[in-house]
Amino acid sequence: MAPTGQEVELAHGEQRAVVVSLGGGLRSYSVGGRELIDGFATGEKPASGRGQLLVPWPNRIADGSYTFDGRLHQLALTEPENNNAIHGLVRSVPWTVGARAADRVVLEHVLEPQPGYPFTLELAVEYALSDDGLAVRITARNAGSDACPYGCGQHPYLTLGTATVDGLELKAPGGHVLLADARGLPTGSQAVAGSELDFRSGRRIGEAKLDNAFTGLERGGDGRAVVQLRDPESGAAIVLWVDETFEYLMLFTGDSRPDVNRRSLAVEPMTCPPNAFRTGDSLIRLEPGQATSSAWGIARAR
């Protein structure tokens, strides 16, 4: 068994996707033989969050501690250099392969009560290929007897095969950006209008160092917010969409990560902002038996 557990390959026309049972993550997605995400090799554990599911919270929780319904909880500090708990509890646990077809698979996991998160979640992630591209749906149901806090996200890196993202054009829908301290924790927000972080009309990334959470997402009539990455030389482009449950998008050029270092752009859908378990901002409260579902997807632009 590979370090990433069981691998499942999906196919639809000229599209291919590979998901792994370790963490229920996305290893690769290609169209016509061209990789559209900067993933990881067979048998290689994902670095820098590549393709990983971020459940039951995305991003960071300050000091790993939070209060919910009057009870104080302490999580492990999985980002010890900044004294934070980061990216949830399922990235390194095995998921089970459930319903499966040539172009679709569902992976499942039961998150059992544990220190810092004494709740039970029944989790499922569906990956499906169609003529519209790759669609991902993350579902959680509170299988415990108490209400619980919940948020989710995922961590794909987009690529168009260029050496860096500097020459690529980015169009991103965020109208506001969260300000953050040195620990990556929000300190406020501001409008992007007139700033170097305004990508709403589309422009070259250039030397911009992105490690920012955006909100106030502009949406189409279908409720989706869309990010587009385009190579002006080849004309190739990729789009990533999120449904209305994802109120935040994290954009990250990976300058601090030697294995990334601007060769791809992380576009991370998040239902809530960093530190939501402490602030309550956009935090989902799941009552016993209640379920919630969030969807996002990737496609080559037509």
Protein backbone atom coordinates (compact mmCIF):
# COMPACT_ATOMS: atom_id res chain seq x y z
CA MET A 1 0.00 0.00 0.00
CA ALA A 2 1.36 3.41 -0.99
CA PRO A 3 1.93 6.04 1.74
CA THR A 4 -1.15 7.80 0.39
CA GLY A 5 -3.26 4.63 0.72
CA GLN A 6 -5.56 3.47 -2.04
CA GLU A 7 -5.60 5.48 -5.26
CA VAL A 8 -8.68 5.78 -7.46
CA GLU A 9 -8.39 7.00 -11.05
CA LEU A 10 -11.38 8.63 -12.71
CA ALA A 11 -11.83 9.17 -16.44
CA HIS A 12 -14.26 11.04 -18.66
CA GLY A 13 -13.31 11.75 -22.26
CA GLU A 14 -9.86 13.33 -22.22
CA GLN A 15 -10.09 14.15 -18.51
CA ARG A 16 -8.29 12.18 -15.79
CA ALA A 17 -8.33 12.64 -12.02
CA VAL A 18 -6.68 10.66 -9.23
CA VAL A 19 -7.84 10.77 -5.61
CA VAL A 20 -6.22 9.10 -2.61
CA SER A 21 -7.67 7.50 0.49
CA LEU A 22 -5.14 9.27 2.75
CA GLY A 23 -7.10 12.32 3.83
CA GLY A 24 -9.55 11.88 0.96
CA GLY A 25 -7.39 14.23 -1.12
CA LEU A 26 -7.01 15.09 -4.80
CA ARG A 27 -3.67 13.97 -6.27
CA SER A 28 -4.02 15.04 -9.89
CA TYR A 29 -6.40 16.40 -12.50
CA SER A 30 -5.52 16.64 -16.17
CA VAL A 31 -7.25 17.41 -19.46
CA GLY A 32 -5.79 16.13 -22.71
CA GLY A 33 -2.62 15.06 -20.89
CA ARG A 34 -2.03 18.54 -19.41
CA GLU A 35 -2.00 18.76 -15.63
CA LEU A 36 -4.19 21.55 -14.31
CA ILE A 37 -3.27 21.11 -10.65
CA ASP A 38 0.20 20.98 -9.15
CA GLY A 39 -0.27 17.72 -7.30
CA PHE A 40 2.05 14.97 -6.15
CA ALA A 41 3.43 11.73 -7.50
CA THR A 42 2.16 8.21 -6.90
CA GLY A 43 3.38 6.95 -3.53
CA GLU A 44 4.42 10.45 -2.46
CA LYS A 45 2.81 12.15 0.52
CA PRO A 46 1.35 15.58 -0.29
CA ALA A 47 3.51 18.54 0.75
CA SER A 48 2.30 22.06 1.51
CA GLY A 49 -1.31 20.90 1.73
CA ARG A 50 -1.53 19.80 -1.91
CA GLY A 51 -5.10 18.74 -2.72
CA GLN A 52 -5.94 18.09 0.91
CA LEU A 53 -9.34 18.38 2.58
CA LEU A 54 -9.48 20.90 5.43
CA VAL A 55 -12.11 19.57 7.86
CA PRO A 56 -13.57 20.44 10.38
CA TRP A 57 -11.90 23.82 9.92
CA PRO A 58 -9.78 25.44 7.22
CA ASN A 59 -6.71 27.55 7.93
CA ARG A 60 -5.75 28.44 11.51
CA ILE A 61 -7.03 28.55 15.08
CA ALA A 62 -5.00 30.80 17.39
CA ASP A 63 -3.34 28.90 20.22
CA GLY A 64 -5.38 25.84 19.19
CA SER A 65 -8.04 26.82 21.71
CA TYR A 66 -11.65 27.89 21.38
CA THR A 67 -14.87 28.02 23.37
CA PHE A 68 -18.08 26.45 22.07
CA ASP A 69 -21.35 26.41 23.99
CA GLY A 70 -19.52 27.51 27.13
CA ARG A 71 -16.88 24.76 27.02
CA LEU A 72 -13.20 25.44 26.43
CA HIS A 73 -11.42 23.07 24.03
CA GLN A 74 -7.69 22.67 23.37
CA LEU A 75 -6.42 21.25 20.07
CA ALA A 76 -2.91 20.08 19.26
CA LEU A 77 -0.66 22.86 17.93
CA THR A 78 -0.05 21.51 14.44
CA GLU A 79 1.63 24.76 13.39
CA PRO A 80 3.90 25.05 16.43
CA GLU A 81 6.10 27.78 14.97
CA ASN A 82 3.10 30.11 15.13
CA ASN A 83 1.32 28.47 18.08
CA ASN A 84 -1.69 27.60 15.90
CA ALA A 85 -3.79 24.57 15.04
CA ILE A 86 -4.00 24.40 11.26
CA HIS A 87 -6.17 22.84 8.54
CA GLY A 88 -8.36 20.48 10.51
CA LEU A 89 -8.08 16.87 11.61
CA VAL A 90 -8.47 14.62 8.56
CA ARG A 91 -5.43 15.25 6.35
CA SER A 92 -3.48 12.24 7.64
CA VAL A 93 -6.27 9.77 8.36
CA PRO A 94 -7.52 6.97 6.08
CA TRP A 95 -10.79 7.38 4.21
CA THR A 96 -12.87 4.50 2.85
CA VAL A 97 -13.76 4.18 -0.82
CA GLY A 98 -17.56 4.04 -1.11
CA ALA A 99 -19.74 4.36 -4.22
CA ARG A 100 -17.62 4.22 -7.34
CA ALA A 101 -17.97 4.44 -11.11
CA ALA A 102 -15.59 5.17 -13.98
CA ASP A 103 -16.08 8.93 -13.65
CA ARG A 104 -17.14 9.27 -10.01
CA VAL A 105 -16.10 8.18 -6.53
CA VAL A 106 -17.22 8.89 -2.96
CA LEU A 107 -14.75 8.67 -0.09
CA GLU A 108 -16.02 8.43 3.48
CA HIS A 109 -14.64 8.89 6.99
CA VAL A 110 -16.07 9.05 10.50
CA LEU A 111 -14.31 11.69 12.57
CA GLU A 112 -14.49 10.32 16.10
CA PRO A 113 -14.42 12.42 19.29
CA GLN A 114 -10.90 13.37 20.31
CA PRO A 115 -9.04 15.92 22.47
CA GLY A 116 -9.99 19.40 21.35
CA TYR A 117 -12.89 18.21 19.17
CA PRO A 118 -15.16 15.90 21.23
CA PHE A 119 -17.74 15.56 18.45
CA THR A 120 -18.65 12.91 15.86
CA LEU A 121 -18.88 13.78 12.17
CA GLU A 122 -19.82 11.49 9.31
CA LEU A 123 -17.89 12.85 6.35
CA ALA A 124 -18.08 12.21 2.63
CA VAL A 125 -16.36 13.76 -0.36
CA GLU A 126 -17.51 13.11 -3.91
CA TYR A 127 -15.27 13.64 -6.92
CA ALA A 128 -17.08 13.54 -10.28
CA LEU A 129 -15.97 14.19 -13.86
CA SER A 130 -18.37 15.41 -16.55
CA ASP A 131 -18.34 17.55 -19.67
CA ASP A 132 -18.24 20.52 -17.28
CA GLY A 133 -14.99 19.42 -15.63
CA LEU A 134 -14.21 18.13 -12.14
CA ALA A 135 -16.78 18.76 -9.39
CA VAL A 136 -16.10 18.17 -5.69
CA ARG A 137 -18.79 17.97 -3.02
CA ILE A 138 -17.92 17.83 0.70
CA THR A 139 -20.66 16.69 3.09
CA ALA A 140 -20.68 16.49 6.88
CA ARG A 141 -23.36 15.18 9.23
CA ASN A 142 -23.31 15.58 12.98
CA ALA A 143 -23.64 12.00 14.24
CA GLY A 144 -23.20 12.94 17.89
CA SER A 145 -25.54 14.01 20.66
CA ASP A 146 -24.26 17.60 20.99
CA ALA A 147 -24.10 20.53 18.60
CA CYS A 148 -20.66 21.05 17.06
CA PRO A 149 -18.70 23.76 15.21
CA TYR A 150 -17.81 23.09 11.58
CA GLY A 151 -16.09 24.58 8.59
CA CYS A 152 -14.42 23.08 5.54
CA GLY A 153 -12.08 23.85 2.70
CA GLN A 154 -9.67 22.28 0.24
CA HIS A 155 -6.15 23.09 -0.94
CA PRO A 156 -5.60 22.66 -4.71
CA TYR A 157 -2.71 24.37 -6.49
CA LEU A 158 -3.53 25.51 -10.03
CA THR A 159 -0.93 25.30 -12.82
CA LEU A 160 -0.74 25.94 -16.54
CA GLY A 161 2.68 24.32 -16.85
CA THR A 162 4.71 27.53 -16.70
CA ALA A 163 7.91 27.76 -14.65
CA THR A 164 6.31 30.40 -12.41
CA VAL A 165 2.93 32.08 -12.12
CA ASP A 166 4.44 35.54 -12.59
CA GLY A 167 3.45 35.89 -16.24
CA LEU A 168 -0.04 34.49 -15.79
CA GLU A 169 -3.18 36.61 -15.68
CA LEU A 170 -5.35 36.16 -12.61
CA LYS A 171 -9.01 37.11 -12.40
CA ALA A 172 -10.36 36.66 -8.87
CA PRO A 173 -13.71 37.74 -7.41
CA GLY A 174 -12.74 38.98 -3.94
CA GLY A 175 -13.94 42.50 -3.12
CA HIS A 176 -12.38 42.52 0.35
CA VAL A 177 -9.16 41.07 1.71
CA LEU A 178 -8.50 40.03 5.29
CA LEU A 179 -5.57 41.70 6.98
CA ALA A 180 -3.39 39.27 8.93
CA ASP A 181 -0.66 39.36 11.54
CA ALA A 182 2.64 37.47 11.47
CA ARG A 183 0.86 34.31 12.68
CA GLY A 184 -1.54 34.34 9.74
CA LEU A 185 -4.49 35.39 11.91
CA PRO A 186 -7.00 38.04 10.77
CA THR A 187 -6.80 41.49 12.29
CA GLY A 188 -9.45 43.16 10.12
CA SER A 189 -10.41 43.60 6.48
CA GLN A 190 -10.30 46.22 3.77
CA ALA A 191 -11.68 46.77 0.28
CA VAL A 192 -9.33 45.75 -2.51
CA ALA A 193 -10.37 48.63 -4.80
CA GLY A 194 -7.32 50.62 -5.84
CA SER A 195 -4.86 48.19 -4.25
CA GLU A 196 -2.38 45.67 -5.67
CA LEU A 197 -4.72 42.92 -4.43
CA ASP A 198 -7.56 43.89 -6.76
CA PHE A 199 -7.76 41.11 -9.35
CA ARG A 200 -11.48 41.45 -10.09
CA SER A 201 -10.96 42.69 -13.65
CA GLY A 202 -8.06 40.33 -14.32
CA ARG A 203 -4.38 41.25 -14.52
CA ARG A 204 -0.89 39.78 -14.52
CA ILE A 205 0.29 38.36 -11.18
CA GLY A 206 3.77 39.74 -11.69
CA GLU A 207 5.80 39.97 -8.49
CA ALA A 208 2.79 39.98 -6.17
CA LYS A 209 3.35 37.72 -3.16
CA LEU A 210 -0.05 36.30 -2.32
CA ASP A 211 -0.93 34.70 1.00
CA ASN A 212 -4.30 36.32 1.50
CA ALA A 213 -7.88 35.39 2.29
CA PHE A 214 -10.50 37.18 0.21
CA THR A 215 -14.22 37.60 0.79
CA GLY A 216 -17.05 39.70 -0.60
CA LEU A 217 -16.94 37.42 -3.60
CA GLU A 218 -18.63 38.59 -6.79
CA ARG A 219 -21.00 35.89 -8.04
CA GLY A 220 -22.90 35.04 -11.17
CA GLY A 221 -26.61 34.38 -11.50
CA ASP A 222 -25.99 30.75 -10.56
CA GLY A 223 -24.51 31.81 -7.21
CA ARG A 224 -21.03 30.72 -8.14
CA ALA A 225 -17.86 32.74 -7.67
CA VAL A 226 -15.14 32.03 -10.24
CA VAL A 227 -11.35 32.35 -10.32
CA GLN A 228 -9.60 32.24 -13.69
CA LEU A 229 -5.91 31.72 -14.36
CA ARG A 230 -4.77 32.39 -17.96
CA ASP A 231 -1.50 32.13 -19.85
CA PRO A 232 -1.48 35.06 -22.32
CA GLU A 233 1.22 33.41 -24.43
CA SER A 234 -0.52 30.09 -25.08
CA GLY A 235 -4.09 31.23 -24.46
CA ALA A 236 -4.60 28.27 -22.10
CA ALA A 237 -6.77 28.97 -19.08
CA ILE A 238 -8.27 27.20 -16.07
CA VAL A 239 -11.23 28.18 -13.93
CA LEU A 240 -12.07 27.24 -10.35
CA TRP A 241 -15.62 27.84 -9.11
CA VAL A 242 -17.19 27.70 -5.67
CA ASP A 243 -20.83 27.56 -4.59
CA GLU A 244 -22.50 29.97 -2.17
CA THR A 245 -21.42 28.07 0.95
CA PHE A 246 -17.82 29.04 0.27
CA GLU A 247 -17.63 32.67 1.37
CA TYR A 248 -13.83 32.90 1.35
CA LEU A 249 -10.98 32.14 -1.04
CA MET A 250 -7.34 31.91 0.01
CA LEU A 251 -4.79 32.76 -2.70
CA PHE A 252 -1.21 31.62 -2.07
CA THR A 253 1.81 31.86 -4.37
CA GLY A 254 3.88 29.69 -2.05
CA ASP A 255 6.90 31.97 -1.79
CA SER A 256 7.71 30.57 1.67
CA ARG A 257 7.52 26.96 0.44
CA PRO A 258 10.60 25.68 -1.47
CA ASP A 259 8.50 22.92 -3.06
CA VAL A 260 6.09 25.55 -4.45
CA ASN A 261 8.03 28.82 -4.78
CA ARG A 262 5.61 30.44 -7.24
CA ARG A 263 5.44 27.52 -9.67
CA SER A 264 1.68 27.27 -9.03
CA LEU A 265 -1.11 29.18 -7.33
CA ALA A 266 -3.09 27.72 -4.44
CA VAL A 267 -6.76 28.70 -4.66
CA GLU A 268 -8.35 27.42 -1.47
CA PRO A 269 -12.14 27.46 -1.07
CA MET A 270 -13.10 28.05 2.58
CA THR A 271 -16.55 28.22 4.19
CA CYS A 272 -15.16 30.38 7.00
CA PRO A 273 -12.12 32.59 7.55
CA PRO A 274 -9.02 31.78 9.58
CA ASN A 275 -9.65 31.67 13.35
CA ALA A 276 -13.41 31.16 12.91
CA PHE A 277 -13.59 28.69 15.81
CA ARG A 278 -12.59 31.58 18.08
CA THR A 279 -14.38 34.48 16.39
CA GLY A 280 -17.50 32.67 15.18
CA ASP A 281 -17.28 34.42 11.79
CA SER A 282 -19.23 32.37 9.21
CA LEU A 283 -18.87 29.33 11.47
CA ILE A 284 -21.39 26.56 10.77
CA ARG A 285 -23.22 25.18 13.79
CA LEU A 286 -24.38 21.61 13.23
CA GLU A 287 -27.10 20.35 15.54
CA PRO A 288 -27.34 16.58 16.20
CA GLY A 289 -28.40 14.84 12.99
CA GLN A 290 -27.96 17.96 10.89
CA ALA A 291 -25.91 17.85 7.67
CA THR A 292 -24.29 20.45 5.42
CA SER A 293 -22.77 20.24 1.97
CA SER A 294 -20.39 22.45 -0.04
CA ALA A 295 -19.28 22.21 -3.67
CA TRP A 296 -16.47 23.53 -5.85
CA GLY A 297 -14.89 22.52 -9.12
CA ILE A 298 -12.16 22.96 -11.74
CA ALA A 299 -12.33 23.04 -15.51
CA ARG A 300 -10.26 24.05 -18.49
CA ALA A 301 -11.68 27.31 -19.78
CA ARG A 302 -13.41 27.06 -23.14
